[in-house]
Protein backbone atom coordinates (compact mmCIF):
# COMPACT_ATOMS: atom_id res chain seq x y z
CA MET A 1 7.86 -19.78 0.44
CA ALA A 2 7.59 -16.56 -1.59
CA GLN A 3 6.68 -15.88 -5.21
CA LEU A 4 9.62 -14.17 -6.90
CA LEU A 5 9.44 -12.42 -10.28
CA VAL A 6 12.81 -12.06 -11.99
CA LEU A 7 13.22 -9.59 -14.87
CA SER A 8 16.26 -10.46 -16.94
CA SER A 9 17.51 -9.89 -20.48
CA THR A 10 19.46 -13.17 -20.39
CA LEU A 11 16.60 -15.66 -20.61
CA GLY A 12 18.02 -19.09 -21.27
CA GLY A 13 21.49 -17.93 -20.34
CA GLY A 14 21.63 -19.38 -16.85
CA ALA A 15 20.18 -18.35 -13.53
CA VAL A 16 20.36 -14.67 -12.59
CA LEU A 17 21.10 -15.72 -9.04
CA PRO A 18 22.44 -19.28 -8.85
CA SER A 19 21.61 -19.28 -5.14
CA LEU A 20 17.88 -19.08 -5.92
CA GLU A 21 17.97 -22.61 -7.33
CA LEU A 22 18.94 -23.87 -3.88
CA LEU A 23 15.99 -22.19 -2.14
CA SER A 24 12.35 -23.22 -1.95
CA HIS A 25 10.90 -19.98 -3.35
CA ARG A 26 8.77 -20.11 -6.50
CA VAL A 27 10.63 -18.25 -9.23
CA ARG A 28 9.15 -16.88 -12.47
CA GLN A 29 11.48 -15.24 -14.99
CA ILE A 30 10.33 -12.85 -17.75
CA PRO A 31 12.19 -10.56 -20.18
CA ALA A 32 13.46 -7.31 -18.70
CA GLU A 33 11.35 -5.18 -21.05
CA PRO A 34 8.57 -2.66 -20.30
CA ALA A 35 6.19 -4.62 -22.56
CA SER A 36 6.60 -7.69 -20.35
CA LEU A 37 5.20 -5.80 -17.37
CA VAL A 38 1.72 -5.51 -18.88
CA ASN A 39 0.76 -9.11 -18.12
CA ALA A 40 3.37 -9.82 -15.48
CA PRO A 41 2.23 -12.27 -12.80
CA ALA A 42 1.75 -11.15 -9.21
CA ALA A 43 4.79 -11.52 -6.98
CA ASP A 44 5.90 -11.05 -3.39
CA VAL A 45 9.27 -9.70 -4.56
CA VAL A 46 10.44 -8.34 -7.92
CA ILE A 47 14.09 -8.86 -8.85
CA VAL A 48 15.74 -6.90 -11.66
CA ASP A 49 18.88 -8.26 -13.31
CA ALA A 50 21.44 -5.47 -13.72
CA ARG A 51 24.50 -7.63 -14.26
CA LEU A 52 25.04 -6.82 -17.94
CA ASP A 53 23.14 -3.59 -18.67
CA LEU A 54 23.01 -1.04 -15.86
CA VAL A 55 21.38 1.68 -17.98
CA SER A 56 18.45 -0.49 -19.05
CA ALA A 57 18.08 -1.90 -15.54
CA LYS A 58 17.89 1.60 -14.05
CA SER A 59 15.26 2.63 -16.60
CA LEU A 60 13.21 -0.48 -15.82
CA CYS A 61 13.42 0.14 -12.07
CA LYS A 62 12.13 3.69 -12.55
CA ILE A 63 9.23 2.41 -14.64
CA LEU A 64 8.35 -0.10 -11.95
CA THR A 65 8.43 2.42 -9.11
CA THR A 66 6.51 5.14 -10.96
CA THR A 67 3.71 2.81 -12.06
CA GLY A 68 2.73 1.80 -8.55
CA LEU A 69 4.71 -1.36 -7.83
CA ASP A 70 3.34 -2.81 -4.59
CA ALA A 71 6.08 -5.41 -4.03
CA PRO A 72 9.66 -4.92 -2.80
CA LEU A 73 12.14 -4.28 -5.61
CA LEU A 74 15.56 -5.95 -5.42
CA LEU A 75 18.49 -5.43 -7.78
CA VAL A 76 21.10 -8.02 -8.76
CA VAL A 77 24.49 -6.54 -9.66
CA THR A 78 28.11 -7.50 -10.02
CA GLU A 79 30.59 -6.02 -7.58
CA GLY A 80 31.73 -3.61 -10.26
CA GLY A 81 28.18 -2.37 -10.78
CA LEU A 82 27.65 -1.38 -7.15
CA ALA A 83 29.18 2.06 -7.68
CA ALA A 84 26.48 2.96 -10.21
CA VAL A 85 23.54 2.25 -7.91
CA SER A 86 22.04 5.22 -6.05
CA THR A 87 18.80 6.17 -4.29
CA ASP A 88 17.20 7.43 -7.51
CA TRP A 89 17.00 3.84 -8.75
CA GLY A 90 14.16 3.35 -6.27
CA VAL A 91 15.19 -0.17 -5.26
CA ASP A 92 14.67 -1.60 -1.78
CA ASP A 93 17.87 -3.63 -1.65
CA VAL A 94 20.86 -4.76 -3.70
CA ILE A 95 22.15 -8.32 -3.99
CA LEU A 96 25.54 -9.26 -5.35
CA VAL A 97 25.41 -12.03 -7.92
CA THR A 98 27.90 -13.97 -5.76
CA ALA A 99 25.65 -13.93 -2.67
CA GLY A 100 25.10 -17.30 -1.06
CA PRO A 101 21.70 -18.95 -0.48
CA ALA A 102 21.44 -17.86 3.17
CA GLU A 103 22.09 -14.20 2.31
CA VAL A 104 19.65 -14.19 -0.61
CA ASP A 105 16.96 -15.82 1.50
CA ALA A 106 17.51 -13.34 4.32
CA ARG A 107 17.28 -10.34 1.99
CA VAL A 108 14.05 -11.65 0.44
CA ARG A 109 12.48 -12.30 3.84
CA LEU A 110 13.51 -8.91 5.22
CA ALA A 111 12.18 -7.10 2.15
CA ILE A 112 8.81 -8.82 2.48
CA GLY A 113 8.76 -8.10 6.21
CA ARG A 114 9.46 -4.40 5.73
CA GLN A 115 6.76 -4.18 3.07
CA SER A 116 4.21 -5.82 5.37
CA ALA A 117 5.12 -3.51 8.24
CA GLU A 118 4.71 -0.43 6.04
CA GLN A 119 1.30 -1.59 4.82
CA VAL A 120 0.12 -2.19 8.37
CA SER A 121 1.29 1.23 9.49
CA THR A 122 -0.37 3.12 6.62
CA ARG A 123 -3.62 1.20 6.22
CA ILE A 124 -6.57 1.02 8.56
CA GLN A 125 -9.17 -1.67 7.98
CA THR A 126 -12.32 -1.66 10.06
CA SER A 127 -16.01 -2.35 9.62
CA GLY A 128 -15.85 -2.69 5.83
CA ILE A 129 -13.73 0.43 5.35
CA THR A 130 -10.09 0.58 4.24
CA ILE A 131 -8.22 3.83 4.81
CA ASP A 132 -4.80 4.39 3.23
CA GLU A 133 -2.98 7.10 5.17
CA SER A 134 -0.15 7.38 2.64
CA SER A 135 -2.40 8.20 -0.33
CA TYR A 136 -5.20 9.95 1.60
CA SER A 137 -7.75 7.59 0.11
CA ALA A 138 -10.50 5.34 1.45
CA LYS A 139 -12.60 2.45 0.15
CA VAL A 140 -15.90 0.86 1.16
CA HIS A 141 -16.18 -2.83 0.31
CA GLY A 142 -13.19 -2.29 -2.01
CA LYS A 143 -14.82 0.59 -3.90
CA ALA A 144 -13.01 3.94 -3.78
CA LEU A 145 -14.71 6.86 -2.05
CA ASP A 146 -14.60 10.31 -3.61
CA LEU A 147 -13.76 12.32 -0.49
CA THR A 148 -12.61 15.88 0.01
CA TYR A 149 -9.51 16.36 2.13
CA LYS A 150 -11.55 17.41 5.18
CA GLU A 151 -13.98 14.49 4.74
CA PHE A 152 -11.01 12.14 4.65
CA GLN A 153 -9.58 13.70 7.81
CA LEU A 154 -12.91 13.34 9.57
CA LEU A 155 -13.34 9.69 8.55
CA HIS A 156 -9.74 8.94 9.54
CA PHE A 157 -10.24 10.54 12.94
CA PHE A 158 -13.43 8.57 13.59
CA ALA A 159 -11.88 5.27 12.45
CA THR A 160 -8.83 5.73 14.67
CA HIS A 161 -11.02 6.48 17.71
CA PRO A 162 -13.69 3.76 17.47
CA SER A 163 -16.71 3.75 19.80
CA ARG A 164 -15.63 6.96 21.53
CA VAL A 165 -18.14 9.80 21.64
CA PHE A 166 -16.97 13.26 20.53
CA THR A 167 -18.80 16.54 20.88
CA ARG A 168 -18.96 18.86 17.90
CA GLU A 169 -16.55 21.20 19.68
CA GLN A 170 -14.06 18.38 20.16
CA LEU A 171 -14.28 17.40 16.48
CA LEU A 172 -13.74 20.99 15.44
CA SER A 173 -10.65 21.14 17.60
CA GLU A 174 -9.21 17.79 16.51
CA VAL A 175 -10.04 17.85 12.79
CA TRP A 176 -10.30 21.54 11.89
CA GLY A 177 -7.83 22.87 14.46
CA TYR A 178 -7.92 25.38 17.27
CA ASP A 179 -7.62 28.34 14.91
CA TYR A 180 -10.81 27.49 13.00
CA PHE A 181 -13.39 30.26 13.41
CA GLY A 182 -16.42 28.53 11.91
CA GLY A 183 -19.31 27.22 13.99
CA THR A 184 -20.14 23.66 14.97
CA ARG A 185 -22.67 23.45 12.14
CA THR A 186 -19.78 22.73 9.78
CA VAL A 187 -19.30 19.41 11.62
CA ASP A 188 -22.93 18.45 10.99
CA VAL A 189 -22.59 19.35 7.31
CA HIS A 190 -19.46 17.25 6.85
CA VAL A 191 -20.91 14.30 8.77
CA ARG A 192 -24.02 14.39 6.57
CA ARG A 193 -21.93 14.44 3.40
CA LEU A 194 -19.66 11.70 4.68
CA ARG A 195 -22.61 9.48 5.56
CA ALA A 196 -24.06 9.97 2.09
CA LYS A 197 -20.77 8.82 0.53
CA LEU A 198 -20.54 5.81 2.85
CA GLY A 199 -23.84 4.59 1.42
CA ASP A 200 -24.83 1.27 3.01
CA LEU A 201 -22.35 1.93 5.82
CA GLU A 202 -23.69 5.36 6.76
CA GLN A 203 -24.63 4.07 10.21
CA LEU A 204 -20.95 3.66 11.04
CA ILE A 205 -21.06 7.29 12.09
CA GLY A 206 -23.65 7.30 14.83
CA THR A 207 -25.36 10.24 16.48
CA VAL A 208 -25.41 10.44 20.26
CA ARG A 209 -28.38 12.64 21.11
CA ASN A 210 -27.50 15.95 22.78
CA VAL A 211 -23.79 15.05 22.76
CA GLY A 212 -22.21 14.49 19.34
CA TYR A 213 -20.99 11.62 17.17
CA ARG A 214 -19.12 8.34 17.42
CA PHE A 215 -17.75 5.71 15.06
CA ASN A 216 -19.63 2.44 15.46
CA VAL A 217 -17.58 -0.72 15.01
CA TYR A 218 -19.19 -3.78 13.46
CA GLU A 219 -18.06 -7.36 13.01
CA ASP A 220 -17.95 -8.68 9.45
CA ASP A 221 -21.18 -10.65 9.90
CA GLN A 222 -22.97 -7.53 11.14
CA LEU A 223 -22.16 -5.36 8.14
CA PRO A 224 -24.90 -4.69 5.60
CA ALA A 225 -24.20 -6.27 2.23
CA PRO A 226 -23.28 -3.89 -0.60
CA ALA A 227 -26.33 -2.77 -2.53
CA VAL A 228 -26.75 -4.42 -5.93
CA ARG A 229 -27.44 -1.76 -8.51
CA SER A 230 -29.05 -2.63 -11.79
């Protein structure tokens, strides 16, 4: 059972999708206005009603996609409105208002499934660290790290090759590239800076004496607790 958020300008004027009433999903309907999005409840899927006003619906879809919507966006249209929908709307799928319960349920499930697959493929979670490949960002215990591009690349490389030992030369080759002319000292400098930014988790990047570095993997109960700062 999914939580569906429906944005419609016809509140009180009947269901946007009559088929939804026959399904077990939890449905919350709010006005299709930008102001309503400020305190909008969390949802697994957002559905925009474009049956009566295609122009306003398109504008609302663009607002949703440009403000970081993290749920699939579906559009409800009449058959006559299909011709107006294009890729620049930013929606994940289109549902005809006449769609039956089985079709609506399938489209909702597939949209949620695709979203989950994308999140798995672009996010790495390990040992208290979350790395988002799509936004080139990383967090420690949910707190964002202020990393340079090369520091992010180094952390990403370590996290995707856990427990494996790499020499400085190998790290230069893999992270900086074969055409990099700097010395191996640059690896030590970046590791030191990265450890400082990892704070309580600095030991995730371990030193193997006379060899190089490796990414240590810890279970949740082995991780040091975040420091409490007064």
